[in-house]
């Protein structure tokens, strides 16, 4: 045993600890998958131009609906309508990201895991 006499049996505790960590990681992964699936089914809504454009998206960042008020349609000013659409779509995507991050944060205890979603 030489110079490592004081560590007799440490290997068994280490194996048990590693096993517990692996079990916890598997449980966390399962919970993250459940939350991700749940968040993908939820929707967010974003508007721009005081409600002239409304976009609904899901947690997968898919646009589910796009509503444009007739008052926002001006054939002489298409650029403004395009800008309103971009603002609403980008806001919906940001909200979907935030919703997913919030759901995952509940599982990970606030630990930021790169590439999570």
PDB file of N, CA and C in Angstrom:
ATOM      1  N   UNK A   1       0.812  -1.196   0.000  1.00  0.00           N
ATOM      2  CA  UNK A   1       0.000   0.000   0.000  1.00  0.00           C
ATOM      3  C   UNK A   1       0.849   1.251   0.000  1.00  0.00           C
ATOM      4  N   UNK A   2       2.004   1.230   0.532  1.00  0.00           N
ATOM      5  CA  UNK A   2       2.957   2.331   0.493  1.00  0.00           C
ATOM      6  C   UNK A   2       2.392   3.645   0.988  1.00  0.00           C
ATOM      7  N   UNK A   3       2.614   4.688   0.239  1.00  0.00           N
ATOM      8  CA  UNK A   3       2.259   6.029   0.666  1.00  0.00           C
ATOM      9  C   UNK A   3       0.754   6.330   0.596  1.00  0.00           C
ATOM     10  N   UNK A   4      -0.080   5.458   0.062  1.00  0.00           N
ATOM     11  CA  UNK A   4      -1.511   5.716  -0.056  1.00  0.00           C
ATOM     12  C   UNK A   4      -2.333   4.963   0.989  1.00  0.00           C
ATOM     13  N   UNK A   5      -1.692   4.577   2.127  1.00  0.00           N
ATOM     14  CA  UNK A   5      -2.375   3.812   3.173  1.00  0.00           C
ATOM     15  C   UNK A   5      -3.636   4.520   3.663  1.00  0.00           C
ATOM     16  N   UNK A   6      -3.568   5.813   3.812  1.00  0.00           N
ATOM     17  CA  UNK A   6      -4.688   6.553   4.386  1.00  0.00           C
ATOM     18  C   UNK A   6      -5.917   6.594   3.498  1.00  0.00           C
ATOM     19  N   UNK A   7      -5.794   6.133   2.281  1.00  0.00           N
ATOM     20  CA  UNK A   7      -6.912   6.201   1.348  1.00  0.00           C
ATOM     21  C   UNK A   7      -7.554   4.843   1.099  1.00  0.00           C
ATOM     22  N   UNK A   8      -7.374   3.931   1.962  1.00  0.00           N
ATOM     23  CA  UNK A   8      -7.950   2.603   1.797  1.00  0.00           C
ATOM     24  C   UNK A   8      -9.470   2.714   1.721  1.00  0.00           C
ATOM     25  N   UNK A   9     -10.054   2.088   0.723  1.00  0.00           N
ATOM     26  CA  UNK A   9     -11.510   2.078   0.578  1.00  0.00           C
ATOM     27  C   UNK A   9     -12.066   3.301  -0.127  1.00  0.00           C
ATOM     28  N   UNK A  10     -11.248   4.272  -0.431  1.00  0.00           N
ATOM     29  CA  UNK A  10     -11.734   5.487  -1.080  1.00  0.00           C
ATOM     30  C   UNK A  10     -12.336   5.180  -2.447  1.00  0.00           C
ATOM     31  N   UNK A  11     -11.834   4.182  -3.109  1.00  0.00           N
ATOM     32  CA  UNK A  11     -12.332   3.822  -4.430  1.00  0.00           C
ATOM     33  C   UNK A  11     -13.798   3.438  -4.416  1.00  0.00           C
ATOM     34  N   UNK A  12     -14.239   2.747  -3.406  1.00  0.00           N
ATOM     35  CA  UNK A  12     -15.644   2.334  -3.346  1.00  0.00           C
ATOM     36  C   UNK A  12     -16.549   3.545  -3.193  1.00  0.00           C
ATOM     37  N   UNK A  13     -16.173   4.486  -2.339  1.00  0.00           N
ATOM     38  CA  UNK A  13     -16.989   5.695  -2.183  1.00  0.00           C
ATOM     39  C   UNK A  13     -17.016   6.498  -3.470  1.00  0.00           C
ATOM     40  N   UNK A  14     -15.891   6.549  -4.149  1.00  0.00           N
ATOM     41  CA  UNK A  14     -15.811   7.281  -5.402  1.00  0.00           C
ATOM     42  C   UNK A  14     -16.742   6.659  -6.435  1.00  0.00           C
ATOM     43  N   UNK A  15     -16.736   5.336  -6.538  1.00  0.00           N
ATOM     44  CA  UNK A  15     -17.623   4.648  -7.492  1.00  0.00           C
ATOM     45  C   UNK A  15     -19.082   4.925  -7.171  1.00  0.00           C
ATOM     46  N   UNK A  16     -19.419   4.922  -5.896  1.00  0.00           N
ATOM     47  CA  UNK A  16     -20.795   5.173  -5.474  1.00  0.00           C
ATOM     48  C   UNK A  16     -21.185   6.617  -5.804  1.00  0.00           C
ATOM     49  N   UNK A  17     -20.259   7.549  -5.557  1.00  0.00           N
ATOM     50  CA  UNK A  17     -20.534   8.952  -5.865  1.00  0.00           C
ATOM     51  C   UNK A  17     -20.713   9.166  -7.359  1.00  0.00           C
ATOM     52  N   UNK A  18     -19.875   8.541  -8.163  1.00  0.00           N
ATOM     53  CA  UNK A  18     -19.984   8.653  -9.617  1.00  0.00           C
ATOM     54  C   UNK A  18     -21.322   8.082 -10.074  1.00  0.00           C
ATOM     55  N   UNK A  19     -21.716   6.970  -9.507  1.00  0.00           N
ATOM     56  CA  UNK A  19     -22.988   6.350  -9.853  1.00  0.00           C
ATOM     57  C   UNK A  19     -24.148   7.286  -9.515  1.00  0.00           C
ATOM     58  N   UNK A  20     -24.076   7.947  -8.370  1.00  0.00           N
ATOM     59  CA  UNK A  20     -25.127   8.894  -7.983  1.00  0.00           C
ATOM     60  C   UNK A  20     -25.176  10.090  -8.923  1.00  0.00           C
ATOM     61  N   UNK A  21     -24.014  10.581  -9.317  1.00  0.00           N
ATOM     62  CA  UNK A  21     -23.949  11.720 -10.234  1.00  0.00           C
ATOM     63  C   UNK A  21     -24.551  11.331 -11.583  1.00  0.00           C
ATOM     64  N   UNK A  22     -24.231  10.137 -12.060  1.00  0.00           N
ATOM     65  CA  UNK A  22     -24.768   9.667 -13.337  1.00  0.00           C
ATOM     66  C   UNK A  22     -26.292   9.550 -13.249  1.00  0.00           C
ATOM     67  N   UNK A  23     -26.798   9.015 -12.164  1.00  0.00           N
ATOM     68  CA  UNK A  23     -28.250   8.885 -11.984  1.00  0.00           C
ATOM     69  C   UNK A  23     -28.916  10.256 -11.959  1.00  0.00           C
ATOM     70  N   UNK A  24     -28.296  11.210 -11.251  1.00  0.00           N
ATOM     71  CA  UNK A  24     -28.853  12.565 -11.191  1.00  0.00           C
ATOM     72  C   UNK A  24     -28.838  13.222 -12.568  1.00  0.00           C
ATOM     73  N   UNK A  25     -27.765  13.012 -13.321  1.00  0.00           N
ATOM     74  CA  UNK A  25     -27.667  13.582 -14.665  1.00  0.00           C
ATOM     75  C   UNK A  25     -28.732  12.986 -15.581  1.00  0.00           C
ATOM     76  N   UNK A  26     -28.965  11.684 -15.482  1.00  0.00           N
ATOM     77  CA  UNK A  26     -29.993  11.039 -16.297  1.00  0.00           C
ATOM     78  C   UNK A  26     -31.375  11.573 -15.940  1.00  0.00           C
ATOM     79  N   UNK A  27     -31.616  11.754 -14.650  1.00  0.00           N
ATOM     80  CA  UNK A  27     -32.903  12.278 -14.201  1.00  0.00           C
ATOM     81  C   UNK A  27     -33.087  13.710 -14.711  1.00  0.00           C
ATOM     82  N   UNK A  28     -32.022  14.524 -14.639  1.00  0.00           N
ATOM     83  CA  UNK A  28     -32.097  15.900 -15.111  1.00  0.00           C
ATOM     84  C   UNK A  28     -32.357  15.921 -16.618  1.00  0.00           C
ATOM     85  N   UNK A  29     -31.697  15.041 -17.360  1.00  0.00           N
ATOM     86  CA  UNK A  29     -31.891  14.992 -18.803  1.00  0.00           C
ATOM     87  C   UNK A  29     -33.339  14.637 -19.138  1.00  0.00           C
ATOM     88  N   UNK A  30     -33.902  13.668 -18.438  1.00  0.00           N
ATOM     89  CA  UNK A  30     -35.293  13.289 -18.671  1.00  0.00           C
ATOM     90  C   UNK A  30     -36.231  14.453 -18.372  1.00  0.00           C
ATOM     91  N   UNK A  31     -35.965  15.159 -17.287  1.00  0.00           N
ATOM     92  CA  UNK A  31     -36.791  16.299 -16.904  1.00  0.00           C
ATOM     93  C   UNK A  31     -36.659  17.426 -17.937  1.00  0.00           C
ATOM     94  N   UNK A  32     -35.448  17.650 -18.439  1.00  0.00           N
ATOM     95  CA  UNK A  32     -35.229  18.682 -19.449  1.00  0.00           C
ATOM     96  C   UNK A  32     -35.980  18.336 -20.739  1.00  0.00           C
ATOM     97  N   UNK A  33     -35.975  17.083 -21.114  1.00  0.00           N
ATOM     98  CA  UNK A  33     -36.695  16.661 -22.317  1.00  0.00           C
ATOM     99  C   UNK A  33     -38.199  16.853 -22.137  1.00  0.00           C
ATOM    100  N   UNK A  34     -38.696  16.555 -20.947  1.00  0.00           N
ATOM    101  CA  UNK A  34     -40.119  16.738 -20.662  1.00  0.00           C
ATOM    102  C   UNK A  34     -40.499  18.218 -20.730  1.00  0.00           C
ATOM    103  N   UNK A  35     -39.684  19.063 -20.096  1.00  0.00           N
ATOM    104  CA  UNK A  35     -39.957  20.495 -20.086  1.00  0.00           C
ATOM    105  C   UNK A  35     -39.857  21.060 -21.501  1.00  0.00           C
ATOM    106  N   UNK A  36     -38.863  20.617 -22.266  1.00  0.00           N
ATOM    107  CA  UNK A  36     -38.705  21.117 -23.632  1.00  0.00           C
ATOM    108  C   UNK A  36     -39.935  20.775 -24.465  1.00  0.00           C
ATOM    109  N   UNK A  37     -40.424  19.552 -24.355  1.00  0.00           N
ATOM    110  CA  UNK A  37     -41.622  19.156 -25.103  1.00  0.00           C
ATOM    111  C   UNK A  37     -42.825  19.988 -24.671  1.00  0.00           C
ATOM    112  N   UNK A  38     -42.924  20.237 -23.382  1.00  0.00           N
ATOM    113  CA  UNK A  38     -44.019  21.044 -22.852  1.00  0.00           C
ATOM    114  C   UNK A  38     -43.933  22.483 -23.369  1.00  0.00           C
ATOM    115  N   UNK A  39     -42.747  23.053 -23.363  1.00  0.00           N
ATOM    116  CA  UNK A  39     -42.551  24.429 -23.823  1.00  0.00           C
ATOM    117  C   UNK A  39     -42.799  24.556 -25.322  1.00  0.00           C
ATOM    118  N   UNK A  40     -42.466  23.527 -26.090  1.00  0.00           N
ATOM    119  CA  UNK A  40     -42.676  23.576 -27.536  1.00  0.00           C
ATOM    120  C   UNK A  40     -44.144  23.700 -27.889  1.00  0.00           C
ATOM    121  N   UNK A  41     -45.024  23.193 -27.021  1.00  0.00           N
ATOM    122  CA  UNK A  41     -46.458  23.260 -27.274  1.00  0.00           C
ATOM    123  C   UNK A  41     -47.085  24.574 -26.816  1.00  0.00           C
ATOM    124  N   UNK A  42     -46.379  25.336 -25.996  1.00  0.00           N
ATOM    125  CA  UNK A  42     -46.912  26.617 -25.529  1.00  0.00           C
ATOM    126  C   UNK A  42     -46.721  27.673 -26.610  1.00  0.00           C
ATOM    127  N   UNK A  43     -47.528  28.731 -26.522  1.00  0.00           N
ATOM    128  CA  UNK A  43     -47.442  29.795 -27.517  1.00  0.00           C
ATOM    129  C   UNK A  43     -47.151  31.137 -26.861  1.00  0.00           C
ATOM    130  N   UNK A  44     -46.594  32.025 -27.667  1.00  0.00           N
ATOM    131  CA  UNK A  44     -46.369  33.412 -27.269  1.00  0.00           C
ATOM    132  C   UNK A  44     -46.973  34.291 -28.360  1.00  0.00           C
ATOM    133  N   UNK A  45     -47.319  35.510 -27.968  1.00  0.00           N
ATOM    134  CA  UNK A  45     -47.896  36.446 -28.927  1.00  0.00           C
ATOM    135  C   UNK A  45     -47.156  37.765 -28.821  1.00  0.00           C
ATOM    136  N   UNK A  46     -46.834  38.340 -29.963  1.00  0.00           N
ATOM    137  CA  UNK A  46     -46.148  39.629 -30.004  1.00  0.00           C
ATOM    138  C   UNK A  46     -46.877  40.543 -30.981  1.00  0.00           C
ATOM    139  N   UNK A  47     -46.889  41.826 -30.638  1.00  0.00           N
ATOM    140  CA  UNK A  47     -47.529  42.796 -31.511  1.00  0.00           C
ATOM    141  C   UNK A  47     -46.571  43.944 -31.798  1.00  0.00           C
ATOM    142  N   UNK A  48     -46.866  44.662 -32.861  1.00  0.00           N
ATOM    143  CA  UNK A  48     -46.122  45.876 -33.168  1.00  0.00           C
ATOM    144  C   UNK A  48     -47.084  46.881 -33.771  1.00  0.00           C
ATOM    145  N   UNK A  49     -46.668  48.126 -33.773  1.00  0.00           N
ATOM    146  CA  UNK A  49     -47.501  49.174 -34.352  1.00  0.00           C
ATOM    147  C   UNK A  49     -48.811  49.354 -33.627  1.00  0.00           C
ATOM    148  N   UNK A  50     -48.786  49.182 -32.298  1.00  0.00           N
ATOM    149  CA  UNK A  50     -50.013  49.358 -31.519  1.00  0.00           C
ATOM    150  C   UNK A  50     -51.080  48.342 -31.865  1.00  0.00           C
ATOM    151  N   UNK A  51     -50.656  47.144 -32.240  1.00  0.00           N
ATOM    152  CA  UNK A  51     -51.601  46.082 -32.577  1.00  0.00           C
ATOM    153  C   UNK A  51     -51.856  45.949 -34.073  1.00  0.00           C
ATOM    154  N   UNK A  52     -51.138  46.717 -34.873  1.00  0.00           N
ATOM    155  CA  UNK A  52     -51.316  46.633 -36.327  1.00  0.00           C
ATOM    156  C   UNK A  52     -50.895  45.270 -36.861  1.00  0.00           C
ATOM    157  N   UNK A  53     -49.862  44.681 -36.231  1.00  0.00           N
ATOM    158  CA  UNK A  53     -49.386  43.363 -36.621  1.00  0.00           C
ATOM    159  C   UNK A  53     -49.301  42.502 -35.369  1.00  0.00           C
ATOM    160  N   UNK A  54     -49.851  41.299 -35.437  1.00  0.00           N
ATOM    161  CA  UNK A  54     -49.809  40.353 -34.319  1.00  0.00           C
ATOM    162  C   UNK A  54     -49.265  39.025 -34.818  1.00  0.00           C
ATOM    163  N   UNK A  55     -48.258  38.505 -34.110  1.00  0.00           N
ATOM    164  CA  UNK A  55     -47.633  37.239 -34.474  1.00  0.00           C
ATOM    165  C   UNK A  55     -47.768  36.282 -33.304  1.00  0.00           C
ATOM    166  N   UNK A  56     -48.171  35.052 -33.590  1.00  0.00           N
ATOM    167  CA  UNK A  56     -48.223  33.995 -32.584  1.00  0.00           C
ATOM    168  C   UNK A  56     -47.217  32.928 -32.998  1.00  0.00           C
ATOM    169  N   UNK A  57     -46.374  32.542 -32.031  1.00  0.00           N
ATOM    170  CA  UNK A  57     -45.352  31.517 -32.285  1.00  0.00           C
ATOM    171  C   UNK A  57     -45.386  30.495 -31.161  1.00  0.00           C
ATOM    172  N   UNK A  58     -44.828  29.315 -31.439  1.00  0.00           N
ATOM    173  CA  UNK A  58     -44.727  28.303 -30.385  1.00  0.00           C
ATOM    174  C   UNK A  58     -43.289  28.242 -29.863  1.00  0.00           C
ATOM    175  N   UNK A  59     -43.049  27.356 -28.909  1.00  0.00           N
ATOM    176  CA  UNK A  59     -41.734  27.215 -28.306  1.00  0.00           C
ATOM    177  C   UNK A  59     -40.674  26.697 -29.261  1.00  0.00           C
ATOM    178  N   UNK A  60     -41.088  26.160 -30.395  1.00  0.00           N
ATOM    179  CA  UNK A  60     -40.139  25.700 -31.414  1.00  0.00           C
ATOM    180  C   UNK A  60     -39.773  26.834 -32.359  1.00  0.00           C
ATOM    181  N   UNK A  61     -40.259  28.035 -32.059  1.00  0.00           N
ATOM    182  CA  UNK A  61     -40.026  29.237 -32.864  1.00  0.00           C
ATOM    183  C   UNK A  61     -40.704  29.147 -34.224  1.00  0.00           C
ATOM    184  N   UNK A  62     -41.780  28.396 -34.293  1.00  0.00           N
ATOM    185  CA  UNK A  62     -42.567  28.318 -35.515  1.00  0.00           C
ATOM    186  C   UNK A  62     -43.658  29.379 -35.452  1.00  0.00           C
ATOM    187  N   UNK A  63     -43.837  30.120 -36.508  1.00  0.00           N
ATOM    188  CA  UNK A  63     -44.890  31.121 -36.572  1.00  0.00           C
ATOM    189  C   UNK A  63     -46.201  30.385 -36.850  1.00  0.00           C
ATOM    190  N   UNK A  64     -47.138  30.510 -35.917  1.00  0.00           N
ATOM    191  CA  UNK A  64     -48.417  29.821 -36.049  1.00  0.00           C
ATOM    192  C   UNK A  64     -49.461  30.694 -36.720  1.00  0.00           C
ATOM    193  N   UNK A  65     -49.369  31.999 -36.481  1.00  0.00           N
ATOM    194  CA  UNK A  65     -50.299  32.907 -37.151  1.00  0.00           C
ATOM    195  C   UNK A  65     -49.685  34.295 -37.262  1.00  0.00           C
ATOM    196  N   UNK A  66     -50.148  35.004 -38.261  1.00  0.00           N
ATOM    197  CA  UNK A  66     -49.731  36.374 -38.525  1.00  0.00           C
ATOM    198  C   UNK A  66     -50.990  37.137 -38.909  1.00  0.00           C
ATOM    199  N   UNK A  67     -51.327  38.131 -38.105  1.00  0.00           N
ATOM    200  CA  UNK A  67     -52.520  38.937 -38.378  1.00  0.00           C
ATOM    201  C   UNK A  67     -52.080  40.370 -38.645  1.00  0.00           C
ATOM    202  N   UNK A  68     -52.633  40.934 -39.708  1.00  0.00           N
ATOM    203  CA  UNK A  68     -52.320  42.303 -40.099  1.00  0.00           C
ATOM    204  C   UNK A  68     -53.626  43.086 -40.164  1.00  0.00           C
ATOM    205  N   UNK A  69     -53.670  44.174 -39.419  1.00  0.00           N
ATOM    206  CA  UNK A  69     -54.837  45.037 -39.444  1.00  0.00           C
ATOM    207  C   UNK A  69     -54.947  45.703 -40.811  1.00  0.00           C
ATOM    208  N   UNK A  70     -56.145  45.771 -41.365  1.00  0.00           N
ATOM    209  CA  UNK A  70     -56.318  46.446 -42.655  1.00  0.00           C
ATOM    210  C   UNK A  70     -55.789  47.890 -42.637  1.00  0.00           C
ATOM    211  N   UNK A  71     -55.840  48.516 -41.462  1.00  0.00           N
ATOM    212  CA  UNK A  71     -55.344  49.890 -41.345  1.00  0.00           C
ATOM    213  C   UNK A  71     -53.838  49.978 -41.566  1.00  0.00           C
ATOM    214  N   UNK A  72     -53.133  48.854 -41.381  1.00  0.00           N
ATOM    215  CA  UNK A  72     -51.673  48.853 -41.540  1.00  0.00           C
ATOM    216  C   UNK A  72     -51.251  48.683 -42.992  1.00  0.00           C
ATOM    217  N   UNK A  73     -52.211  48.376 -43.861  1.00  0.00           N
ATOM    218  CA  UNK A  73     -51.887  48.126 -45.263  1.00  0.00           C
ATOM    219  C   UNK A  73     -52.045  49.424 -46.062  1.00  0.00           C
ATOM    220  N   UNK A  74     -50.907  49.965 -46.446  1.00  0.00           N
ATOM    221  CA  UNK A  74     -50.880  51.178 -47.266  1.00  0.00           C
ATOM    222  C   UNK A  74     -50.006  50.881 -48.483  1.00  0.00           C
ATOM    223  N   UNK A  75     -50.608  50.741 -49.655  1.00  0.00           N
ATOM    224  CA  UNK A  75     -49.827  50.402 -50.843  1.00  0.00           C
ATOM    225  C   UNK A  75     -48.703  51.397 -51.130  1.00  0.00           C
ATOM    226  N   UNK A  76     -48.836  52.597 -50.617  1.00  0.00           N
ATOM    227  CA  UNK A  76     -47.812  53.621 -50.830  1.00  0.00           C
ATOM    228  C   UNK A  76     -46.667  53.510 -49.824  1.00  0.00           C
ATOM    229  N   UNK A  77     -46.856  52.679 -48.779  1.00  0.00           N
ATOM    230  CA  UNK A  77     -45.839  52.584 -47.721  1.00  0.00           C
ATOM    231  C   UNK A  77     -45.675  51.134 -47.274  1.00  0.00           C
ATOM    232  N   UNK A  78     -45.255  50.287 -48.182  1.00  0.00           N
ATOM    233  CA  UNK A  78     -45.049  48.870 -47.897  1.00  0.00           C
ATOM    234  C   UNK A  78     -43.909  48.672 -46.892  1.00  0.00           C
ATOM    235  N   UNK A  79     -42.913  49.521 -46.919  1.00  0.00           N
ATOM    236  CA  UNK A  79     -41.754  49.382 -46.019  1.00  0.00           C
ATOM    237  C   UNK A  79     -42.153  49.430 -44.547  1.00  0.00           C
ATOM    238  N   UNK A  80     -43.094  50.290 -44.212  1.00  0.00           N
ATOM    239  CA  UNK A  80     -43.533  50.364 -42.813  1.00  0.00           C
ATOM    240  C   UNK A  80     -44.186  49.050 -42.398  1.00  0.00           C
ATOM    241  N   UNK A  81     -45.005  48.486 -43.247  1.00  0.00           N
ATOM    242  CA  UNK A  81     -45.642  47.200 -42.935  1.00  0.00           C
ATOM    243  C   UNK A  81     -44.589  46.108 -42.784  1.00  0.00           C
ATOM    244  N   UNK A  82     -43.610  46.103 -43.668  1.00  0.00           N
ATOM    245  CA  UNK A  82     -42.529  45.120 -43.560  1.00  0.00           C
ATOM    246  C   UNK A  82     -41.793  45.259 -42.228  1.00  0.00           C
ATOM    247  N   UNK A  83     -41.519  46.492 -41.837  1.00  0.00           N
ATOM    248  CA  UNK A  83     -40.844  46.727 -40.549  1.00  0.00           C
ATOM    249  C   UNK A  83     -41.691  46.251 -39.379  1.00  0.00           C
ATOM    250  N   UNK A  84     -42.986  46.525 -39.430  1.00  0.00           N
ATOM    251  CA  UNK A  84     -43.880  46.089 -38.347  1.00  0.00           C
ATOM    252  C   UNK A  84     -43.892  44.567 -38.244  1.00  0.00           C
ATOM    253  N   UNK A  85     -43.899  43.893 -39.375  1.00  0.00           N
ATOM    254  CA  UNK A  85     -43.887  42.423 -39.386  1.00  0.00           C
ATOM    255  C   UNK A  85     -42.580  41.904 -38.795  1.00  0.00           C
ATOM    256  N   UNK A  86     -41.462  42.479 -39.214  1.00  0.00           N
ATOM    257  CA  UNK A  86     -40.162  42.035 -38.683  1.00  0.00           C
ATOM    258  C   UNK A  86     -40.076  42.239 -37.174  1.00  0.00           C
ATOM    259  N   UNK A  87     -40.533  43.377 -36.697  1.00  0.00           N
ATOM    260  CA  UNK A  87     -40.490  43.653 -35.256  1.00  0.00           C
ATOM    261  C   UNK A  87     -41.326  42.626 -34.503  1.00  0.00           C
ATOM    262  N   UNK A  88     -42.529  42.367 -34.968  1.00  0.00           N
ATOM    263  CA  UNK A  88     -43.409  41.417 -34.280  1.00  0.00           C
ATOM    264  C   UNK A  88     -42.847  39.997 -34.321  1.00  0.00           C
ATOM    265  N   UNK A  89     -42.320  39.578 -35.463  1.00  0.00           N
ATOM    266  CA  UNK A  89     -41.753  38.228 -35.586  1.00  0.00           C
ATOM    267  C   UNK A  89     -40.534  38.083 -34.680  1.00  0.00           C
ATOM    268  N   UNK A  90     -39.635  39.065 -34.711  1.00  0.00           N
ATOM    269  CA  UNK A  90     -38.444  38.993 -33.855  1.00  0.00           C
ATOM    270  C   UNK A  90     -38.809  38.991 -32.380  1.00  0.00           C
ATOM    271  N   UNK A  91     -39.820  39.765 -32.007  1.00  0.00           N
ATOM    272  CA  UNK A  91     -40.257  39.775 -30.613  1.00  0.00           C
ATOM    273  C   UNK A  91     -40.846  38.421 -30.227  1.00  0.00           C
ATOM    274  N   UNK A  92     -41.619  37.816 -31.111  1.00  0.00           N
ATOM    275  CA  UNK A  92     -42.195  36.495 -30.824  1.00  0.00           C
ATOM    276  C   UNK A  92     -41.093  35.459 -30.645  1.00  0.00           C
ATOM    277  N   UNK A  93     -40.066  35.510 -31.483  1.00  0.00           N
ATOM    278  CA  UNK A  93     -38.948  34.565 -31.368  1.00  0.00           C
ATOM    279  C   UNK A  93     -38.202  34.782 -30.055  1.00  0.00           C
ATOM    280  N   UNK A  94     -37.979  36.042 -29.691  1.00  0.00           N
ATOM    281  CA  UNK A  94     -37.324  36.346 -28.413  1.00  0.00           C
ATOM    282  C   UNK A  94     -38.153  35.828 -27.242  1.00  0.00           C
ATOM    283  N   UNK A  95     -39.460  36.035 -27.307  1.00  0.00           N
ATOM    284  CA  UNK A  95     -40.334  35.538 -26.244  1.00  0.00           C
ATOM    285  C   UNK A  95     -40.296  34.016 -26.161  1.00  0.00           C
ATOM    286  N   UNK A  96     -40.261  33.344 -27.305  1.00  0.00           N
ATOM    287  CA  UNK A  96     -40.188  31.879 -27.320  1.00  0.00           C
ATOM    288  C   UNK A  96     -38.869  31.417 -26.703  1.00  0.00           C
ATOM    289  N   UNK A  97     -37.767  32.094 -27.045  1.00  0.00           N
ATOM    290  CA  UNK A  97     -36.467  31.774 -26.437  1.00  0.00           C
ATOM    291  C   UNK A  97     -36.504  31.963 -24.925  1.00  0.00           C
ATOM    292  N   UNK A  98     -37.065  33.088 -24.491  1.00  0.00           N
ATOM    293  CA  UNK A  98     -37.146  33.386 -23.058  1.00  0.00           C
ATOM    294  C   UNK A  98     -38.003  32.357 -22.325  1.00  0.00           C
ATOM    295  N   UNK A  99     -39.107  31.958 -22.957  1.00  0.00           N
ATOM    296  CA  UNK A  99     -39.993  30.960 -22.360  1.00  0.00           C
ATOM    297  C   UNK A  99     -39.256  29.629 -22.193  1.00  0.00           C
ATOM    298  N   UNK A 100     -38.506  29.233 -23.222  1.00  0.00           N
ATOM    299  CA  UNK A 100     -37.758  27.982 -23.161  1.00  0.00           C
ATOM    300  C   UNK A 100     -36.659  28.075 -22.104  1.00  0.00           C
ATOM    301  N   UNK A 101     -35.960  29.196 -22.061  1.00  0.00           N
ATOM    302  CA  UNK A 101     -34.881  29.377 -21.081  1.00  0.00           C
ATOM    303  C   UNK A 101     -35.428  29.342 -19.665  1.00  0.00           C
ATOM    304  N   UNK A 102     -36.574  29.953 -19.461  1.00  0.00           N
ATOM    305  CA  UNK A 102     -37.194  29.951 -18.131  1.00  0.00           C
ATOM    306  C   UNK A 102     -37.589  28.536 -17.715  1.00  0.00           C
ATOM    307  N   UNK A 103     -38.161  27.790 -18.649  1.00  0.00           N
ATOM    308  CA  UNK A 103     -38.542  26.411 -18.351  1.00  0.00           C
ATOM    309  C   UNK A 103     -37.343  25.543 -18.037  1.00  0.00           C
ATOM    310  N   UNK A 104     -36.261  25.705 -18.799  1.00  0.00           N
ATOM    311  CA  UNK A 104     -35.048  24.923 -18.563  1.00  0.00           C
ATOM    312  C   UNK A 104     -34.352  25.347 -17.281  1.00  0.00           C
ATOM    313  N   UNK A 105     -34.413  26.625 -16.965  1.00  0.00           N
ATOM    314  CA  UNK A 105     -33.789  27.131 -15.746  1.00  0.00           C
ATOM    315  C   UNK A 105     -34.416  26.484 -14.513  1.00  0.00           C
ATOM    316  N   UNK A 106     -35.705  26.204 -14.589  1.00  0.00           N
ATOM    317  CA  UNK A 106     -36.376  25.543 -13.474  1.00  0.00           C
ATOM    318  C   UNK A 106     -35.816  24.139 -13.249  1.00  0.00           C
ATOM    319  N   UNK A 107     -35.374  23.501 -14.328  1.00  0.00           N
ATOM    320  CA  UNK A 107     -34.821  22.150 -14.232  1.00  0.00           C
ATOM    321  C   UNK A 107     -33.357  22.176 -13.810  1.00  0.00           C
ATOM    322  N   UNK A 108     -32.591  23.107 -14.396  1.00  0.00           N
ATOM    323  CA  UNK A 108     -31.146  23.129 -14.164  1.00  0.00           C
ATOM    324  C   UNK A 108     -30.750  23.950 -12.948  1.00  0.00           C
ATOM    325  N   UNK A 109     -31.722  24.546 -12.294  1.00  0.00           N
ATOM    326  CA  UNK A 109     -31.410  25.362 -11.129  1.00  0.00           C
ATOM    327  C   UNK A 109     -30.690  26.644 -11.510  1.00  0.00           C
ATOM    328  N   UNK A 110     -30.912  27.124 -12.716  1.00  0.00           N
ATOM    329  CA  UNK A 110     -30.310  28.369 -13.167  1.00  0.00           C
ATOM    330  C   UNK A 110     -28.938  28.210 -13.780  1.00  0.00           C
ATOM    331  N   UNK A 111     -28.425  26.990 -13.824  1.00  0.00           N
ATOM    332  CA  UNK A 111     -27.106  26.759 -14.432  1.00  0.00           C
ATOM    333  C   UNK A 111     -27.258  26.865 -15.942  1.00  0.00           C
ATOM    334  N   UNK A 112     -26.443  27.697 -16.571  1.00  0.00           N
ATOM    335  CA  UNK A 112     -26.494  27.860 -18.017  1.00  0.00           C
ATOM    336  C   UNK A 112     -25.697  26.741 -18.669  1.00  0.00           C
ATOM    337  N   UNK A 113     -26.391  25.904 -19.444  1.00  0.00           N
ATOM    338  CA  UNK A 113     -25.747  24.801 -20.140  1.00  0.00           C
ATOM    339  C   UNK A 113     -25.717  25.149 -21.625  1.00  0.00           C
ATOM    340  N   UNK A 114     -24.533  25.451 -22.164  1.00  0.00           N
ATOM    341  CA  UNK A 114     -24.430  25.858 -23.571  1.00  0.00           C
ATOM    342  C   UNK A 114     -25.031  24.826 -24.515  1.00  0.00           C
ATOM    343  N   UNK A 115     -25.714  25.314 -25.540  1.00  0.00           N
ATOM    344  CA  UNK A 115     -26.278  24.428 -26.561  1.00  0.00           C
ATOM    345  C   UNK A 115     -27.479  23.653 -26.094  1.00  0.00           C
ATOM    346  N   UNK A 116     -28.104  24.097 -24.994  1.00  0.00           N
ATOM    347  CA  UNK A 116     -29.220  23.353 -24.431  1.00  0.00           C
ATOM    348  C   UNK A 116     -30.425  23.354 -25.345  1.00  0.00           C
ATOM    349  N   UNK A 117     -30.725  24.478 -25.971  1.00  0.00           N
ATOM    350  CA  UNK A 117     -31.875  24.542 -26.872  1.00  0.00           C
ATOM    351  C   UNK A 117     -31.638  25.489 -27.980  1.00  0.00           C
TER     352      UNK A 117
END
